Amino acid sequence: MAERDWNLLPIKRDYSIYKKFNFEHSPIAVNYCYFKPEGVKKLDKPAGLCEMPKVCNQKQEAFYITAEDEDCIGKRFLGLPMPNAPKRYPEGGRLGVNLGVVQRPGVNLIHRQWCVTMAPGSVNYALFTPLDRAVYEPDLVYFVCTGTQGEVIMRASMYATGEPYESIGTSVGNCCSLFVYPYQSGKINFMVSGFSWGMNGRRVYPDGPVIIVVPFQKLGTVTESLNEMTWYREALKLDRDGYVKYDADVTQMTQDNSKEF
């Protein structure tokens, strides 16, 4: 009898609100598993960690990966077991120079301190599922969206808290910023497609779409706020001058009302 994975919690929240966005790319739920997910197929062709949400969007079905299914550095960031992996020899930061990413080896070594990783052996499998088909509460939800759609998601993150937007990333090894940092920090992270060396090389997305990763710690807040707040203001249908007048009128009205106290 298979063990029940303590990392996989049955889904309890309604995520149907996200269908209202009509995303070109389906949001992808990511789960980190200790035991092999039951009833789910293994990925049939290796890909980089940064490509997994795109592959899942194309397949429109869940799949899981092990280290052998990830053909870049992502498996090391996730701490996936690699019993037959060849030994990696320290190169003193020379790799970044040889790739043309950094000026000198020391810069590469400094860069690496921002590449956060999972404790080896804490995650044995990674599960990717289209959000509208998820049966487990996501550890992360990975969005690829337009700037306007992204503004709504990010505004939902601060609608009830007032917290500012923050982003952290690296030119290479950026998958750790998207798949590990949000999970470990509990913070939403975002970037613009085109900022990542490896994603550009693999032609994951065209220039311009916004990538937003919402961890489970923030997912409830964002979802609840989306159900409550105004998404798109009618005033955005105005031209530039019309919007300036609208903004000035609302400001003046607020000031006038405040004089009553």
C-alpha atoms as a PDB file:
ATOM      1  CA  MET A   1       0.000   0.000   0.000  1.00  0.00           C
ATOM      2  CA  ALA A   2       1.388   3.395  -1.030  1.00  0.00           C
ATOM      3  CA  GLU A   3       2.153   5.900   1.655  1.00  0.00           C
ATOM      4  CA  ARG A   4      -0.011   9.002   1.855  1.00  0.00           C
ATOM      5  CA  ASP A   5       2.153  12.000   1.005  1.00  0.00           C
ATOM      6  CA  TRP A   6       2.020  14.509   3.833  1.00  0.00           C
ATOM      7  CA  ASN A   7       2.858  17.233   1.326  1.00  0.00           C
ATOM      8  CA  LEU A   8      -0.324  16.649  -0.683  1.00  0.00           C
ATOM      9  CA  LEU A   9      -3.420  18.185   0.914  1.00  0.00           C
ATOM     10  CA  PRO A  10      -6.824  17.600  -0.727  1.00  0.00           C
ATOM     11  CA  ILE A  11      -8.025  20.713  -2.482  1.00  0.00           C
ATOM     12  CA  LYS A  12     -10.481  22.726  -0.396  1.00  0.00           C
ATOM     13  CA  ARG A  13     -10.442  26.208  -1.924  1.00  0.00           C
ATOM     14  CA  ASP A  14     -12.436  27.246  -4.987  1.00  0.00           C
ATOM     15  CA  TYR A  15     -10.048  28.518  -7.663  1.00  0.00           C
ATOM     16  CA  SER A  16     -12.650  29.012 -10.404  1.00  0.00           C
ATOM     17  CA  ILE A  17     -12.219  32.798 -10.114  1.00  0.00           C
ATOM     18  CA  TYR A  18      -9.037  32.499 -12.170  1.00  0.00           C
ATOM     19  CA  LYS A  19     -11.002  31.348 -15.214  1.00  0.00           C
ATOM     20  CA  LYS A  20     -12.343  34.905 -15.498  1.00  0.00           C
ATOM     21  CA  PHE A  21      -8.921  36.051 -16.698  1.00  0.00           C
ATOM     22  CA  ASN A  22      -9.128  33.976 -19.883  1.00  0.00           C
ATOM     23  CA  PHE A  23      -5.369  33.452 -19.762  1.00  0.00           C
ATOM     24  CA  GLU A  24      -3.618  32.417 -22.953  1.00  0.00           C
ATOM     25  CA  HIS A  25      -1.480  30.122 -20.803  1.00  0.00           C
ATOM     26  CA  SER A  26      -3.285  28.049 -18.182  1.00  0.00           C
ATOM     27  CA  PRO A  27      -2.151  28.671 -14.590  1.00  0.00           C
ATOM     28  CA  ILE A  28      -0.189  25.657 -13.372  1.00  0.00           C
ATOM     29  CA  ALA A  29      -0.336  24.196  -9.871  1.00  0.00           C
ATOM     30  CA  VAL A  30       3.020  22.913  -8.618  1.00  0.00           C
ATOM     31  CA  ASN A  31       3.337  20.416  -5.770  1.00  0.00           C
ATOM     32  CA  TYR A  32       6.488  19.068  -4.140  1.00  0.00           C
ATOM     33  CA  CYS A  33       6.124  15.431  -3.134  1.00  0.00           C
ATOM     34  CA  TYR A  34       8.011  13.024  -0.956  1.00  0.00           C
ATOM     35  CA  PHE A  35       6.223   9.943  -2.321  1.00  0.00           C
ATOM     36  CA  LYS A  36       5.396   9.263  -5.956  1.00  0.00           C
ATOM     37  CA  PRO A  37       2.001  10.808  -6.822  1.00  0.00           C
ATOM     38  CA  GLU A  38      -0.632   8.149  -7.384  1.00  0.00           C
ATOM     39  CA  GLY A  39      -2.652   8.005 -10.588  1.00  0.00           C
ATOM     40  CA  VAL A  40      -0.409  10.478 -12.422  1.00  0.00           C
ATOM     41  CA  LYS A  41       1.788   9.835 -15.452  1.00  0.00           C
ATOM     42  CA  LYS A  42       5.514  10.470 -15.463  1.00  0.00           C
ATOM     43  CA  LEU A  43       6.740  13.095 -17.924  1.00  0.00           C
ATOM     44  CA  ASP A  44       7.480  11.352 -21.215  1.00  0.00           C
ATOM     45  CA  LYS A  45      10.285  13.620 -22.451  1.00  0.00           C
ATOM     46  CA  PRO A  46      12.969  15.445 -20.430  1.00  0.00           C
ATOM     47  CA  ALA A  47      12.786  19.221 -20.194  1.00  0.00           C
ATOM     48  CA  GLY A  48      14.217  22.011 -18.089  1.00  0.00           C
ATOM     49  CA  LEU A  49      12.464  23.036 -14.891  1.00  0.00           C
ATOM     50  CA  CYS A  50      11.665  26.412 -16.445  1.00  0.00           C
ATOM     51  CA  GLU A  51       9.851  24.591 -19.267  1.00  0.00           C
ATOM     52  CA  MET A  52       7.629  22.410 -17.070  1.00  0.00           C
ATOM     53  CA  PRO A  53       4.682  24.874 -16.778  1.00  0.00           C
ATOM     54  CA  LYS A  54       4.718  25.350 -20.568  1.00  0.00           C
ATOM     55  CA  VAL A  55       4.767  21.583 -21.135  1.00  0.00           C
ATOM     56  CA  CYS A  56       1.915  21.133 -18.655  1.00  0.00           C
ATOM     57  CA  ASN A  57      -0.074  23.852 -20.386  1.00  0.00           C
ATOM     58  CA  GLN A  58       0.424  22.138 -23.728  1.00  0.00           C
ATOM     59  CA  LYS A  59      -0.519  18.709 -22.395  1.00  0.00           C
ATOM     60  CA  GLN A  60      -3.435  19.996 -20.315  1.00  0.00           C
ATOM     61  CA  GLU A  61      -2.943  17.113 -17.918  1.00  0.00           C
ATOM     62  CA  ALA A  62      -0.966  16.422 -14.779  1.00  0.00           C
ATOM     63  CA  PHE A  63       2.459  14.802 -14.773  1.00  0.00           C
ATOM     64  CA  TYR A  64       5.282  14.322 -12.295  1.00  0.00           C
ATOM     65  CA  ILE A  65       9.029  14.454 -12.701  1.00  0.00           C
ATOM     66  CA  THR A  66      12.083  12.967 -11.039  1.00  0.00           C
ATOM     67  CA  ALA A  67      15.660  14.117 -11.466  1.00  0.00           C
ATOM     68  CA  GLU A  68      16.051  12.104 -14.664  1.00  0.00           C
ATOM     69  CA  ASP A  69      13.219  14.056 -16.300  1.00  0.00           C
ATOM     70  CA  GLU A  70      14.869  17.443 -15.744  1.00  0.00           C
ATOM     71  CA  ASP A  71      17.704  18.150 -18.157  1.00  0.00           C
ATOM     72  CA  CYS A  72      19.188  21.312 -16.666  1.00  0.00           C
ATOM     73  CA  ILE A  73      20.181  22.645 -13.236  1.00  0.00           C
ATOM     74  CA  GLY A  74      16.639  22.749 -11.847  1.00  0.00           C
ATOM     75  CA  LYS A  75      16.802  19.269 -10.332  1.00  0.00           C
ATOM     76  CA  ARG A  76      19.678  20.412  -8.127  1.00  0.00           C
ATOM     77  CA  PHE A  77      17.741  23.440  -6.913  1.00  0.00           C
ATOM     78  CA  LEU A  78      14.794  21.179  -6.027  1.00  0.00           C
ATOM     79  CA  GLY A  79      17.137  18.746  -4.284  1.00  0.00           C
ATOM     80  CA  LEU A  80      15.803  15.808  -6.299  1.00  0.00           C
ATOM     81  CA  PRO A  81      17.735  12.572  -5.614  1.00  0.00           C
ATOM     82  CA  MET A  82      20.401  11.829  -8.232  1.00  0.00           C
ATOM     83  CA  PRO A  83      22.062   8.564  -7.135  1.00  0.00           C
ATOM     84  CA  ASN A  84      23.817   7.999 -10.477  1.00  0.00           C
ATOM     85  CA  ALA A  85      24.796  11.592 -11.165  1.00  0.00           C
ATOM     86  CA  PRO A  86      28.445  12.209 -12.039  1.00  0.00           C
ATOM     87  CA  LYS A  87      30.433  14.177  -9.508  1.00  0.00           C
ATOM     88  CA  ARG A  88      30.484  17.913 -10.110  1.00  0.00           C
ATOM     89  CA  TYR A  89      33.897  19.458  -9.579  1.00  0.00           C
ATOM     90  CA  PRO A  90      34.171  23.017  -8.227  1.00  0.00           C
ATOM     91  CA  GLU A  91      35.272  25.316 -11.033  1.00  0.00           C
ATOM     92  CA  GLY A  92      35.768  28.411  -8.886  1.00  0.00           C
ATOM     93  CA  GLY A  93      33.051  30.390 -10.615  1.00  0.00           C
ATOM     94  CA  ARG A  94      34.641  29.962 -14.047  1.00  0.00           C
ATOM     95  CA  LEU A  95      31.440  28.613 -15.602  1.00  0.00           C
ATOM     96  CA  GLY A  96      29.747  31.997 -15.564  1.00  0.00           C
ATOM     97  CA  VAL A  97      32.730  33.532 -17.347  1.00  0.00           C
ATOM     98  CA  ASN A  98      32.794  30.790 -19.970  1.00  0.00           C
ATOM     99  CA  LEU A  99      29.092  31.282 -20.598  1.00  0.00           C
ATOM    100  CA  GLY A 100      29.634  35.002 -20.984  1.00  0.00           C
ATOM    101  CA  VAL A 101      27.252  35.888 -18.154  1.00  0.00           C
ATOM    102  CA  VAL A 102      29.629  37.548 -15.680  1.00  0.00           C
ATOM    103  CA  GLN A 103      32.799  39.605 -15.728  1.00  0.00           C
ATOM    104  CA  ARG A 104      34.942  37.427 -13.490  1.00  0.00           C
ATOM    105  CA  PRO A 105      34.728  34.167 -11.488  1.00  0.00           C
ATOM    106  CA  GLY A 106      34.235  36.027  -8.221  1.00  0.00           C
ATOM    107  CA  VAL A 107      31.031  37.574  -9.550  1.00  0.00           C
ATOM    108  CA  ASN A 108      29.751  34.098 -10.357  1.00  0.00           C
ATOM    109  CA  LEU A 109      30.483  32.949  -6.809  1.00  0.00           C
ATOM    110  CA  ILE A 110      28.625  35.947  -5.388  1.00  0.00           C
ATOM    111  CA  HIS A 111      25.759  35.239  -7.756  1.00  0.00           C
ATOM    112  CA  ARG A 112      25.413  31.707  -6.413  1.00  0.00           C
ATOM    113  CA  GLN A 113      24.509  32.858  -2.905  1.00  0.00           C
ATOM    114  CA  TRP A 114      21.147  33.985  -4.297  1.00  0.00           C
ATOM    115  CA  CYS A 115      20.444  30.596  -5.863  1.00  0.00           C
ATOM    116  CA  VAL A 116      18.359  29.076  -3.075  1.00  0.00           C
ATOM    117  CA  THR A 117      17.873  25.313  -2.968  1.00  0.00           C
ATOM    118  CA  MET A 118      15.714  22.716  -1.269  1.00  0.00           C
ATOM    119  CA  ALA A 119      17.347  20.472   1.299  1.00  0.00           C
ATOM    120  CA  PRO A 120      18.474  17.377  -0.665  1.00  0.00           C
ATOM    121  CA  GLY A 121      16.060  14.495  -0.173  1.00  0.00           C
ATOM    122  CA  SER A 122      13.160  16.619   1.093  1.00  0.00           C
ATOM    123  CA  VAL A 123      11.549  16.524  -2.357  1.00  0.00           C
ATOM    124  CA  ASN A 124      11.640  13.374  -4.456  1.00  0.00           C
ATOM    125  CA  TYR A 125       9.027  14.265  -7.073  1.00  0.00           C
ATOM    126  CA  ALA A 126       7.564  17.474  -8.494  1.00  0.00           C
ATOM    127  CA  LEU A 127       3.957  17.434  -9.681  1.00  0.00           C
ATOM    128  CA  PHE A 128       2.596  19.825 -12.320  1.00  0.00           C
ATOM    129  CA  THR A 129      -1.155  20.181 -12.924  1.00  0.00           C
ATOM    130  CA  PRO A 130      -3.353  22.694 -14.754  1.00  0.00           C
ATOM    131  CA  LEU A 131      -4.941  24.672 -11.917  1.00  0.00           C
ATOM    132  CA  ASP A 132      -8.485  23.944 -13.043  1.00  0.00           C
ATOM    133  CA  ARG A 133      -7.731  20.204 -12.789  1.00  0.00           C
ATOM    134  CA  ALA A 134      -5.834  20.259  -9.510  1.00  0.00           C
ATOM    135  CA  VAL A 135      -6.962  17.813  -6.818  1.00  0.00           C
ATOM    136  CA  TYR A 136      -4.400  18.978  -4.252  1.00  0.00           C
ATOM    137  CA  GLU A 137      -3.857  22.381  -2.710  1.00  0.00           C
ATOM    138  CA  PRO A 138      -0.961  23.866  -4.709  1.00  0.00           C
ATOM    139  CA  ASP A 139       2.396  24.621  -3.162  1.00  0.00           C
ATOM    140  CA  LEU A 140       2.823  27.194  -5.913  1.00  0.00           C
ATOM    141  CA  VAL A 141       0.665  28.553  -8.715  1.00  0.00           C
ATOM    142  CA  TYR A 142       2.591  29.626 -11.798  1.00  0.00           C
ATOM    143  CA  PHE A 143       0.980  32.330 -13.942  1.00  0.00           C
ATOM    144  CA  VAL A 144       2.051  33.529 -17.376  1.00  0.00           C
ATOM    145  CA  CYS A 145       0.002  36.580 -18.256  1.00  0.00           C
ATOM    146  CA  THR A 146      -0.192  40.015 -19.814  1.00  0.00           C
ATOM    147  CA  GLY A 147       0.920  43.053 -17.871  1.00  0.00           C
ATOM    148  CA  THR A 148      -2.674  44.124 -17.278  1.00  0.00           C
ATOM    149  CA  GLN A 149      -3.652  40.681 -15.981  1.00  0.00           C
ATOM    150  CA  GLY A 150      -0.540  40.660 -13.833  1.00  0.00           C
ATOM    151  CA  GLU A 151      -1.455  44.025 -12.329  1.00  0.00           C
ATOM    152  CA  VAL A 152      -4.747  42.579 -11.126  1.00  0.00           C
ATOM    153  CA  ILE A 153      -3.035  39.570  -9.525  1.00  0.00           C
ATOM    154  CA  MET A 154      -0.387  41.715  -7.864  1.00  0.00           C
ATOM    155  CA  ARG A 155      -2.958  44.240  -6.670  1.00  0.00           C
ATOM    156  CA  ALA A 156      -4.901  41.342  -5.159  1.00  0.00           C
ATOM    157  CA  SER A 157      -1.773  40.450  -3.204  1.00  0.00           C
ATOM    158  CA  MET A 158      -1.789  43.845  -1.449  1.00  0.00           C
ATOM    159  CA  TYR A 159      -5.505  44.684  -1.557  1.00  0.00           C
ATOM    160  CA  ALA A 160      -6.086  43.615   2.053  1.00  0.00           C
ATOM    161  CA  THR A 161      -2.538  43.940   3.376  1.00  0.00           C
ATOM    162  CA  GLY A 162      -0.878  47.013   1.848  1.00  0.00           C
ATOM    163  CA  GLU A 163       2.324  45.052   1.252  1.00  0.00           C
ATOM    164  CA  PRO A 164       4.485  46.300  -1.649  1.00  0.00           C
ATOM    165  CA  TYR A 165       5.451  44.253  -4.661  1.00  0.00           C
ATOM    166  CA  GLU A 166       8.898  42.688  -4.553  1.00  0.00           C
ATOM    167  CA  SER A 167      10.883  40.732  -7.103  1.00  0.00           C
ATOM    168  CA  ILE A 168      14.135  38.822  -6.882  1.00  0.00           C
ATOM    169  CA  GLY A 169      15.865  37.022  -9.694  1.00  0.00           C
ATOM    170  CA  THR A 170      19.133  35.957 -11.256  1.00  0.00           C
ATOM    171  CA  SER A 171      20.296  36.003 -14.866  1.00  0.00           C
ATOM    172  CA  VAL A 172      21.219  32.322 -14.839  1.00  0.00           C
ATOM    173  CA  GLY A 173      19.725  29.621 -12.650  1.00  0.00           C
ATOM    174  CA  ASN A 174      16.617  31.775 -12.444  1.00  0.00           C
ATOM    175  CA  CYS A 175      14.428  28.705 -11.962  1.00  0.00           C
ATOM    176  CA  CYS A 176      15.448  28.782  -8.293  1.00  0.00           C
ATOM    177  CA  SER A 177      13.891  32.254  -8.039  1.00  0.00           C
ATOM    178  CA  LEU A 178      10.598  31.000  -9.447  1.00  0.00           C
ATOM    179  CA  PHE A 179      10.307  27.471  -8.044  1.00  0.00           C
ATOM    180  CA  VAL A 180      12.205  27.573  -4.743  1.00  0.00           C
ATOM    181  CA  TYR A 181      12.359  31.152  -3.442  1.00  0.00           C
ATOM    182  CA  PRO A 182       8.549  31.713  -3.263  1.00  0.00           C
ATOM    183  CA  TYR A 183       8.043  28.346  -1.578  1.00  0.00           C
ATOM    184  CA  GLN A 184      10.706  28.948   1.052  1.00  0.00           C
ATOM    185  CA  SER A 185      10.073  32.652   1.644  1.00  0.00           C
ATOM    186  CA  GLY A 186       6.285  32.707   1.405  1.00  0.00           C
ATOM    187  CA  LYS A 187       6.615  35.711  -0.919  1.00  0.00           C
ATOM    188  CA  ILE A 188       5.131  36.185  -4.367  1.00  0.00           C
ATOM    189  CA  ASN A 189       7.796  36.528  -7.030  1.00  0.00           C
ATOM    190  CA  PHE A 190       7.522  37.846 -10.560  1.00  0.00           C
ATOM    191  CA  MET A 191       9.607  38.571 -13.639  1.00  0.00           C
ATOM    192  CA  VAL A 192       9.217  39.553 -17.268  1.00  0.00           C
ATOM    193  CA  SER A 193       9.846  36.897 -19.883  1.00  0.00           C
ATOM    194  CA  GLY A 194      13.166  37.696 -21.496  1.00  0.00           C
ATOM    195  CA  PHE A 195      15.028  38.315 -18.237  1.00  0.00           C
ATOM    196  CA  SER A 196      16.245  34.723 -17.910  1.00  0.00           C
ATOM    197  CA  TRP A 197      19.332  33.457 -19.748  1.00  0.00           C
ATOM    198  CA  GLY A 198      18.238  29.824 -19.866  1.00  0.00           C
ATOM    199  CA  MET A 199      14.578  30.497 -20.655  1.00  0.00           C
ATOM    200  CA  ASN A 200      15.633  32.648 -23.594  1.00  0.00           C
ATOM    201  CA  GLY A 201      17.914  29.925 -24.900  1.00  0.00           C
ATOM    202  CA  ARG A 202      15.188  27.311 -24.592  1.00  0.00           C
ATOM    203  CA  ARG A 203      12.613  29.619 -26.235  1.00  0.00           C
ATOM    204  CA  VAL A 204      10.188  29.018 -23.386  1.00  0.00           C
ATOM    205  CA  TYR A 205       8.099  32.170 -23.911  1.00  0.00           C
ATOM    206  CA  PRO A 206       8.335  35.166 -26.233  1.00  0.00           C
ATOM    207  CA  ASP A 207       9.553  38.503 -24.918  1.00  0.00           C
ATOM    208  CA  GLY A 208       7.078  40.382 -22.785  1.00  0.00           C
ATOM    209  CA  PRO A 209       4.671  38.129 -20.861  1.00  0.00           C
ATOM    210  CA  VAL A 210       4.772  38.499 -17.097  1.00  0.00           C
ATOM    211  CA  ILE A 211       5.507  35.424 -14.970  1.00  0.00           C
ATOM    212  CA  ILE A 212       4.050  35.480 -11.454  1.00  0.00           C
ATOM    213  CA  VAL A 213       4.501  32.704  -8.902  1.00  0.00           C
ATOM    214  CA  VAL A 214       2.147  32.701  -5.919  1.00  0.00           C
ATOM    215  CA  PRO A 215       3.102  30.391  -3.015  1.00  0.00           C
ATOM    216  CA  PHE A 216       0.548  28.643  -0.843  1.00  0.00           C
ATOM    217  CA  GLN A 217       1.165  31.144   1.967  1.00  0.00           C
ATOM    218  CA  LYS A 218      -0.286  33.953  -0.201  1.00  0.00           C
ATOM    219  CA  LEU A 219      -2.695  32.018  -2.394  1.00  0.00           C
ATOM    220  CA  GLY A 220      -5.667  32.358  -0.061  1.00  0.00           C
ATOM    221  CA  THR A 221      -5.189  36.118   0.287  1.00  0.00           C
ATOM    222  CA  VAL A 222      -4.939  36.627  -3.463  1.00  0.00           C
ATOM    223  CA  THR A 223      -7.920  34.409  -4.235  1.00  0.00           C
ATOM    224  CA  GLU A 224     -10.157  36.001  -1.614  1.00  0.00           C
ATOM    225  CA  SER A 225      -9.212  39.502  -2.750  1.00  0.00           C
ATOM    226  CA  LEU A 226      -9.961  38.669  -6.388  1.00  0.00           C
ATOM    227  CA  ASN A 227     -13.467  37.672  -5.339  1.00  0.00           C
ATOM    228  CA  GLU A 228     -13.972  41.001  -3.558  1.00  0.00           C
ATOM    229  CA  MET A 229     -12.137  43.770  -5.375  1.00  0.00           C
ATOM    230  CA  THR A 230     -12.728  45.687  -8.583  1.00  0.00           C
ATOM    231  CA  TRP A 231     -10.559  44.230 -11.315  1.00  0.00           C
ATOM    232  CA  TYR A 232     -10.715  46.739 -14.165  1.00  0.00           C
ATOM    233  CA  ARG A 233     -11.920  50.301 -13.620  1.00  0.00           C
ATOM    234  CA  GLU A 234     -14.409  51.755 -16.069  1.00  0.00           C
ATOM    235  CA  ALA A 235     -12.177  54.828 -16.162  1.00  0.00           C
ATOM    236  CA  LEU A 236      -9.556  52.812 -18.049  1.00  0.00           C
ATOM    237  CA  LYS A 237     -11.856  52.957 -21.067  1.00  0.00           C
ATOM    238  CA  LEU A 238     -11.315  56.724 -21.188  1.00  0.00           C
ATOM    239  CA  ASP A 239      -8.571  58.312 -23.264  1.00  0.00           C
ATOM    240  CA  ARG A 240      -5.556  59.856 -21.577  1.00  0.00           C
ATOM    241  CA  ASP A 241      -7.099  63.286 -20.998  1.00  0.00           C
ATOM    242  CA  GLY A 242     -10.359  61.754 -19.855  1.00  0.00           C
ATOM    243  CA  TYR A 243      -8.549  59.640 -17.295  1.00  0.00           C
ATOM    244  CA  VAL A 244      -6.567  62.599 -15.980  1.00  0.00           C
ATOM    245  CA  LYS A 245      -9.832  64.520 -15.471  1.00  0.00           C
ATOM    246  CA  TYR A 246     -11.462  61.506 -13.788  1.00  0.00           C
ATOM    247  CA  ASP A 247      -8.528  61.129 -11.410  1.00  0.00           C
ATOM    248  CA  ALA A 248      -8.535  64.840 -10.587  1.00  0.00           C
ATOM    249  CA  ASP A 249     -12.310  64.860 -10.005  1.00  0.00           C
ATOM    250  CA  VAL A 250     -12.186  61.911  -7.603  1.00  0.00           C
ATOM    251  CA  THR A 251      -9.249  63.470  -5.747  1.00  0.00           C
ATOM    252  CA  GLN A 252     -11.073  66.793  -5.421  1.00  0.00           C
ATOM    253  CA  MET A 253     -14.283  65.074  -4.273  1.00  0.00           C
ATOM    254  CA  THR A 254     -12.330  63.202  -1.604  1.00  0.00           C
ATOM    255  CA  GLN A 255     -10.715  66.423  -0.424  1.00  0.00           C
ATOM    256  CA  ASP A 256     -14.079  68.215  -0.314  1.00  0.00           C
ATOM    257  CA  ASN A 257     -15.696  65.409   1.671  1.00  0.00           C
ATOM    258  CA  SER A 258     -12.813  65.411   4.114  1.00  0.00           C
ATOM    259  CA  LYS A 259     -13.514  69.070   5.005  1.00  0.00           C
ATOM    260  CA  GLU A 260     -16.743  68.028   6.635  1.00  0.00           C
ATOM    261  CA  PHE A 261     -14.881  66.511   9.584  1.00  0.00           C
END
